[in-house]
Amino acid sequence: MEKEILKRHLKDLFACTPFARKREEASLPVLVYRHSSLIRRRLGNVDMRLQENKATNLALAVKHIDGVVIRPGETFSLWKMIGRTTGRRGFKEGLTITKGQPVPGIGGGLCQLSNLIHWMVLHSELSITEHHHHDGLDLFPDFGRQIPFGTGTSISYNYIDYRLRNNTANTYQFRLWVDDEYLHGELRALEPQ
């Protein structure tokens, strides 16, 4: 795993890709798409502590992305924004998928964030440049499903990323927040699509 992380760092270093990094407090004027997803879900006999920890992980992660502006020609990388999820940074053990099985892992549950971002991006003119599917395991089959099966994303720091590129002349922005029950997101733009 560490080898793959290092390879991704080196690849990014030599690619000279302009990554979106700037975050703005004010929201861009045009709402492109809005979605919310329930944070705590029951999954068979999985420890609900992992769901509580996922809520913590999501709250930490959205603070690193909320307000990010993706200008024309820039690439958004989920992991470039969040960074490595470690206990020292406050991330907790949540549910992850490893080799097709649900297992606890530090930073677990962040795929819900990448799922939300992906679903919003599918309603835009942004170009998805990196997207990985979960390997056949649906953690919450038909649990009040609001989006089509197969639109989920799999992520693992940093070599399994979710990335998109703004190949338009428009500027986009993610607004993300959590409350006691839901992960909320908006994709906003400077001009209508």
Protein backbone atom coordinates (compact mmCIF):
# COMPACT_ATOMS: atom_id res chain seq x y z
CA MET A 1 0.00 0.00 0.00
CA GLU A 2 2.79 2.43 0.89
CA LYS A 3 4.43 1.70 -2.46
CA GLU A 4 1.22 2.63 -4.30
CA ILE A 5 0.90 5.83 -2.24
CA LEU A 6 4.47 6.81 -3.11
CA LYS A 7 3.88 6.02 -6.80
CA ARG A 8 0.83 8.30 -6.85
CA HIS A 9 2.78 11.13 -5.16
CA LEU A 10 5.55 10.83 -7.75
CA LYS A 11 3.12 10.61 -10.66
CA ASP A 12 1.35 13.78 -9.51
CA LEU A 13 4.65 15.57 -8.95
CA PHE A 14 5.86 14.94 -12.51
CA ALA A 15 2.47 15.45 -14.18
CA CYS A 16 2.33 19.14 -13.19
CA THR A 17 -1.47 18.92 -12.98
CA PRO A 18 -3.12 22.15 -11.80
CA PHE A 19 -5.14 20.95 -8.79
CA ALA A 20 -8.03 22.90 -7.31
CA ARG A 21 -7.00 24.04 -3.83
CA LYS A 22 -8.53 27.46 -3.23
CA ARG A 23 -11.60 27.57 -1.02
CA GLU A 24 -13.99 30.50 -0.85
CA GLU A 25 -16.33 31.37 2.00
CA ALA A 26 -19.08 32.77 -0.23
CA SER A 27 -21.16 30.40 -2.34
CA LEU A 28 -21.14 30.77 -6.12
CA PRO A 29 -24.54 32.07 -7.34
CA VAL A 30 -25.88 29.17 -9.46
CA LEU A 31 -27.07 25.94 -7.85
CA VAL A 32 -26.30 23.07 -10.25
CA TYR A 33 -27.41 20.19 -8.03
CA ARG A 34 -28.11 19.45 -4.36
CA HIS A 35 -28.26 16.11 -2.54
CA SER A 36 -28.30 14.75 1.01
CA SER A 37 -27.60 11.24 2.27
CA LEU A 38 -28.39 9.61 5.60
CA ILE A 39 -25.23 9.12 7.66
CA ARG A 40 -26.16 6.32 10.08
CA ARG A 41 -27.57 3.20 8.44
CA ARG A 42 -28.17 -0.25 9.83
CA LEU A 43 -26.14 -3.02 8.23
CA GLY A 44 -26.90 -6.47 9.64
CA ASN A 45 -24.86 -7.01 12.76
CA VAL A 46 -22.21 -4.33 12.10
CA ASP A 47 -21.27 -2.41 15.24
CA MET A 48 -23.16 0.93 15.24
CA ARG A 49 -20.03 2.47 16.80
CA LEU A 50 -18.54 2.31 13.30
CA GLN A 51 -21.48 4.35 12.01
CA GLU A 52 -20.95 6.94 14.76
CA ASN A 53 -17.27 7.09 13.87
CA LYS A 54 -18.19 7.51 10.20
CA ALA A 55 -20.19 10.59 11.20
CA THR A 56 -17.04 11.99 12.86
CA ASN A 57 -14.91 11.14 9.81
CA LEU A 58 -17.36 12.81 7.44
CA ALA A 59 -17.51 15.96 9.60
CA LEU A 60 -13.70 16.18 9.55
CA ALA A 61 -13.41 15.53 5.80
CA VAL A 62 -16.02 18.03 4.61
CA LYS A 63 -14.14 20.84 6.39
CA HIS A 64 -11.25 20.26 3.98
CA ILE A 65 -13.41 20.38 0.85
CA ASP A 66 -16.27 22.78 1.61
CA GLY A 67 -15.99 25.89 -0.53
CA VAL A 68 -13.35 24.54 -2.93
CA VAL A 69 -13.51 26.32 -6.27
CA ILE A 70 -12.67 24.39 -9.44
CA ARG A 71 -11.65 26.85 -12.13
CA PRO A 72 -11.39 26.09 -15.85
CA GLY A 73 -8.47 23.73 -16.48
CA GLU A 74 -8.19 22.63 -12.84
CA THR A 75 -8.46 19.09 -11.50
CA PHE A 76 -10.25 18.23 -8.26
CA SER A 77 -8.77 15.36 -6.25
CA LEU A 78 -10.62 14.13 -3.17
CA TRP A 79 -7.38 13.01 -1.48
CA LYS A 80 -5.48 16.19 -2.36
CA MET A 81 -8.14 18.07 -0.42
CA ILE A 82 -8.61 15.73 2.57
CA GLY A 83 -5.10 14.39 3.00
CA ARG A 84 -4.23 11.18 4.81
CA THR A 85 -6.77 10.00 7.37
CA THR A 86 -4.95 9.25 10.61
CA GLY A 87 -5.90 8.96 14.25
CA ARG A 88 -3.57 11.86 15.02
CA ARG A 89 -5.70 14.06 12.76
CA GLY A 90 -8.86 12.96 14.60
CA PHE A 91 -10.13 10.31 12.18
CA LYS A 92 -11.68 7.23 13.75
CA GLU A 93 -12.22 3.61 12.88
CA GLY A 94 -15.16 3.25 10.50
CA LEU A 95 -16.42 0.68 8.05
CA THR A 96 -14.25 0.02 4.98
CA ILE A 97 -14.32 -2.63 2.27
CA THR A 98 -11.19 -4.73 1.90
CA LYS A 99 -11.02 -7.69 -0.49
CA GLY A 100 -14.80 -7.66 -0.82
CA GLN A 101 -15.44 -7.75 2.93
CA PRO A 102 -16.60 -5.03 5.33
CA VAL A 103 -13.82 -4.40 7.89
CA PRO A 104 -13.00 -1.59 10.34
CA GLY A 105 -10.36 0.94 9.27
CA ILE A 106 -9.21 4.45 10.22
CA GLY A 107 -11.12 7.00 8.15
CA GLY A 108 -13.77 4.44 7.20
CA GLY A 109 -17.02 5.70 5.73
CA LEU A 110 -15.56 8.42 3.52
CA CYS A 111 -16.78 6.64 0.42
CA GLN A 112 -20.16 8.13 1.33
CA LEU A 113 -18.60 11.54 0.69
CA SER A 114 -17.11 10.47 -2.64
CA ASN A 115 -20.51 8.95 -3.56
CA LEU A 116 -22.24 12.25 -2.85
CA ILE A 117 -19.70 14.25 -4.83
CA HIS A 118 -19.90 11.80 -7.74
CA TRP A 119 -23.70 11.94 -7.85
CA MET A 120 -23.61 15.75 -7.98
CA VAL A 121 -20.90 15.77 -10.65
CA LEU A 122 -22.99 13.45 -12.84
CA HIS A 123 -25.47 16.34 -13.08
CA SER A 124 -22.85 18.74 -14.39
CA GLU A 125 -20.57 19.38 -17.36
CA LEU A 126 -17.46 18.44 -15.35
CA SER A 127 -15.34 15.56 -16.68
CA ILE A 128 -14.70 12.62 -14.36
CA THR A 129 -11.08 11.53 -14.80
CA GLU A 130 -10.79 8.90 -12.05
CA HIS A 131 -13.59 6.80 -10.61
CA HIS A 132 -13.40 3.37 -8.98
CA HIS A 133 -16.35 1.13 -8.20
CA HIS A 134 -16.68 -0.93 -5.04
CA ASP A 135 -15.70 -4.49 -5.84
CA GLY A 136 -19.22 -5.95 -5.95
CA LEU A 137 -20.19 -5.39 -2.32
CA ASP A 138 -23.22 -3.18 -1.69
CA LEU A 139 -23.07 -2.33 2.02
CA PHE A 140 -26.61 -1.04 2.20
CA PRO A 141 -28.71 -2.98 -0.33
CA ASP A 142 -32.03 -1.24 -0.96
CA PHE A 143 -31.79 0.76 2.27
CA GLY A 144 -33.98 3.64 1.14
CA ARG A 145 -31.91 3.88 -2.04
CA GLN A 146 -32.24 7.31 -3.65
CA ILE A 147 -29.61 7.04 -6.36
CA PRO A 148 -29.13 4.27 -8.93
CA PHE A 149 -27.11 1.21 -7.98
CA GLY A 150 -23.64 1.29 -9.54
CA THR A 151 -23.04 5.01 -9.09
CA GLY A 152 -21.07 4.47 -5.87
CA THR A 153 -17.36 5.12 -5.60
CA SER A 154 -14.48 3.40 -3.87
CA ILE A 155 -11.55 5.36 -2.45
CA SER A 156 -8.36 4.55 -0.58
CA TYR A 157 -5.67 7.09 0.25
CA ASN A 158 -4.29 8.25 -2.18
CA TYR A 159 -3.93 5.82 -5.04
CA ILE A 160 -7.64 5.02 -5.36
CA ASP A 161 -8.93 8.55 -5.75
CA TYR A 162 -11.95 10.36 -7.07
CA ARG A 163 -10.89 13.02 -9.56
CA LEU A 164 -12.56 15.31 -12.03
CA ARG A 165 -11.38 18.02 -14.40
CA ASN A 166 -13.07 21.25 -15.31
CA ASN A 167 -12.84 21.31 -19.09
CA THR A 168 -15.46 24.06 -19.31
CA ALA A 169 -15.21 27.86 -19.30
CA ASN A 170 -17.35 27.92 -16.14
CA THR A 171 -16.16 27.90 -12.50
CA TYR A 172 -17.64 25.35 -10.07
CA GLN A 173 -17.71 24.99 -6.30
CA PHE A 174 -18.56 22.27 -3.76
CA ARG A 175 -20.47 23.23 -0.64
CA LEU A 176 -20.56 20.40 1.91
CA TRP A 177 -21.78 20.09 5.48
CA VAL A 178 -23.12 17.56 7.98
CA ASP A 179 -25.84 17.79 10.59
CA ASP A 180 -27.03 15.23 13.13
CA GLU A 181 -28.56 12.99 10.46
CA TYR A 182 -27.36 13.83 6.97
CA LEU A 183 -24.36 14.56 4.80
CA HIS A 184 -25.37 17.48 2.57
CA GLY A 185 -23.82 18.74 -0.61
CA GLU A 186 -24.31 21.33 -3.29
CA LEU A 187 -22.51 21.74 -6.58
CA ARG A 188 -22.57 25.41 -7.49
CA ALA A 189 -21.35 27.39 -10.49
CA LEU A 190 -20.52 30.94 -11.48
CA GLU A 191 -22.74 30.78 -14.59
CA PRO A 192 -25.66 28.55 -15.59
CA GLN A 193 -24.65 25.39 -17.48
